[in-house]
N, C-alpha and C. Protein backbone atom coordinates (compact mmCIF):
# COMPACT_ATOMS: atom_id res chain seq x y z
N MET A 1 -132.90 15.90 5.78
CA MET A 1 -132.70 15.86 4.35
C MET A 1 -131.97 17.11 3.87
N ASP A 2 -132.27 18.24 4.49
CA ASP A 2 -131.60 19.49 4.10
C ASP A 2 -130.09 19.41 4.34
N LEU A 3 -129.70 18.79 5.44
CA LEU A 3 -128.27 18.66 5.74
C LEU A 3 -127.58 17.75 4.71
N LEU A 4 -128.26 16.69 4.29
CA LEU A 4 -127.70 15.80 3.28
C LEU A 4 -127.52 16.54 1.96
N GLU A 5 -128.51 17.33 1.56
CA GLU A 5 -128.41 18.11 0.34
C GLU A 5 -127.26 19.11 0.42
N ALA A 6 -127.10 19.75 1.57
CA ALA A 6 -126.01 20.71 1.75
C ALA A 6 -124.66 20.01 1.65
N TYR A 7 -124.55 18.82 2.24
CA TYR A 7 -123.30 18.06 2.18
C TYR A 7 -122.94 17.71 0.74
N ILE A 8 -123.95 17.35 -0.04
CA ILE A 8 -123.73 17.00 -1.44
C ILE A 8 -123.31 18.24 -2.23
N GLN A 9 -123.99 19.37 -2.01
CA GLN A 9 -123.71 20.60 -2.74
C GLN A 9 -122.31 21.15 -2.44
N ILE A 10 -121.94 21.15 -1.17
CA ILE A 10 -120.65 21.70 -0.75
C ILE A 10 -119.51 20.78 -1.16
N GLY A 11 -119.75 19.51 -1.09
CA GLY A 11 -118.68 18.54 -1.35
C GLY A 11 -118.12 18.09 -0.02
N GLY A 12 -117.86 16.84 0.10
CA GLY A 12 -117.41 16.30 1.37
C GLY A 12 -115.95 16.60 1.64
N GLU A 13 -115.55 16.24 2.83
CA GLU A 13 -114.17 16.48 3.24
C GLU A 13 -113.28 15.25 3.07
N TYR A 14 -113.87 14.16 2.57
CA TYR A 14 -113.14 12.92 2.43
C TYR A 14 -112.89 12.60 0.94
N HIS A 15 -112.27 11.48 0.71
CA HIS A 15 -112.07 10.99 -0.66
C HIS A 15 -113.45 10.87 -1.32
N PRO A 16 -113.58 11.18 -2.61
CA PRO A 16 -114.88 11.15 -3.28
C PRO A 16 -115.63 9.81 -3.13
N LEU A 17 -114.91 8.70 -3.11
CA LEU A 17 -115.57 7.40 -2.95
C LEU A 17 -116.16 7.25 -1.55
N VAL A 18 -115.45 7.75 -0.55
CA VAL A 18 -115.96 7.71 0.82
C VAL A 18 -117.17 8.63 0.94
N ASP A 19 -117.10 9.81 0.34
CA ASP A 19 -118.26 10.71 0.35
C ASP A 19 -119.47 10.08 -0.32
N LEU A 20 -119.24 9.36 -1.40
CA LEU A 20 -120.34 8.67 -2.07
C LEU A 20 -120.97 7.62 -1.15
N ALA A 21 -120.15 6.87 -0.45
CA ALA A 21 -120.67 5.86 0.48
C ALA A 21 -121.45 6.51 1.61
N ILE A 22 -120.94 7.61 2.15
CA ILE A 22 -121.65 8.33 3.22
C ILE A 22 -122.99 8.84 2.72
N THR A 23 -122.98 9.45 1.54
CA THR A 23 -124.21 9.98 0.97
C THR A 23 -125.22 8.86 0.72
N HIS A 24 -124.77 7.75 0.18
CA HIS A 24 -125.66 6.62 -0.09
C HIS A 24 -126.25 6.07 1.20
N TYR A 25 -125.43 5.93 2.22
CA TYR A 25 -125.90 5.42 3.51
C TYR A 25 -126.99 6.33 4.09
N HIS A 26 -126.74 7.62 4.08
CA HIS A 26 -127.73 8.55 4.64
C HIS A 26 -129.00 8.58 3.80
N PHE A 27 -128.87 8.49 2.49
CA PHE A 27 -130.06 8.45 1.65
C PHE A 27 -130.89 7.20 1.94
N GLU A 28 -130.23 6.07 2.11
CA GLU A 28 -130.93 4.82 2.41
C GLU A 28 -131.66 4.89 3.75
N THR A 29 -131.08 5.55 4.73
CA THR A 29 -131.74 5.64 6.04
C THR A 29 -132.93 6.59 5.97
N ILE A 30 -132.87 7.59 5.09
CA ILE A 30 -133.97 8.53 4.95
C ILE A 30 -135.08 7.96 4.07
N HIS A 31 -134.70 7.31 2.99
CA HIS A 31 -135.67 6.88 1.98
C HIS A 31 -135.42 5.41 1.58
N PRO A 32 -135.72 4.47 2.48
CA PRO A 32 -135.52 3.06 2.11
C PRO A 32 -136.63 2.58 1.17
N CYS A 33 -136.29 1.63 0.34
CA CYS A 33 -137.26 1.02 -0.57
C CYS A 33 -137.09 -0.49 -0.42
N GLN A 34 -138.11 -1.14 0.10
CA GLN A 34 -137.98 -2.57 0.37
C GLN A 34 -138.11 -3.38 -0.91
N MET A 35 -137.13 -4.26 -1.10
CA MET A 35 -137.12 -5.16 -2.25
C MET A 35 -137.61 -6.53 -1.80
N SER A 36 -137.59 -7.48 -2.70
CA SER A 36 -138.01 -8.83 -2.36
C SER A 36 -137.06 -9.44 -1.33
N MET A 37 -137.53 -10.37 -0.57
CA MET A 37 -136.78 -11.12 0.44
C MET A 37 -136.29 -10.21 1.57
N GLY A 38 -136.93 -9.05 1.77
CA GLY A 38 -136.62 -8.21 2.91
C GLY A 38 -135.41 -7.32 2.78
N ALA A 39 -134.72 -7.35 1.65
CA ALA A 39 -133.55 -6.50 1.48
C ALA A 39 -134.00 -5.06 1.27
N LEU A 40 -133.20 -4.11 1.73
CA LEU A 40 -133.50 -2.69 1.53
C LEU A 40 -132.55 -2.12 0.48
N ASP A 41 -133.12 -1.32 -0.41
CA ASP A 41 -132.30 -0.73 -1.45
C ASP A 41 -133.06 0.46 -2.02
N ALA A 42 -132.36 1.41 -2.57
CA ALA A 42 -133.02 2.52 -3.26
C ALA A 42 -133.20 2.12 -4.72
N SER A 43 -134.43 2.12 -5.15
CA SER A 43 -134.71 1.72 -6.55
C SER A 43 -134.92 2.92 -7.41
């Protein structure tokens, strides 16, 4: 989690939209929240 926070604070090396997708993916793997029908999402 500390590495993810550092990546967010420093700013990524890619296009901002790609950095957003990377950040979202890593956040989902660290902190998943199960929704109905088995889907995973951060609520």
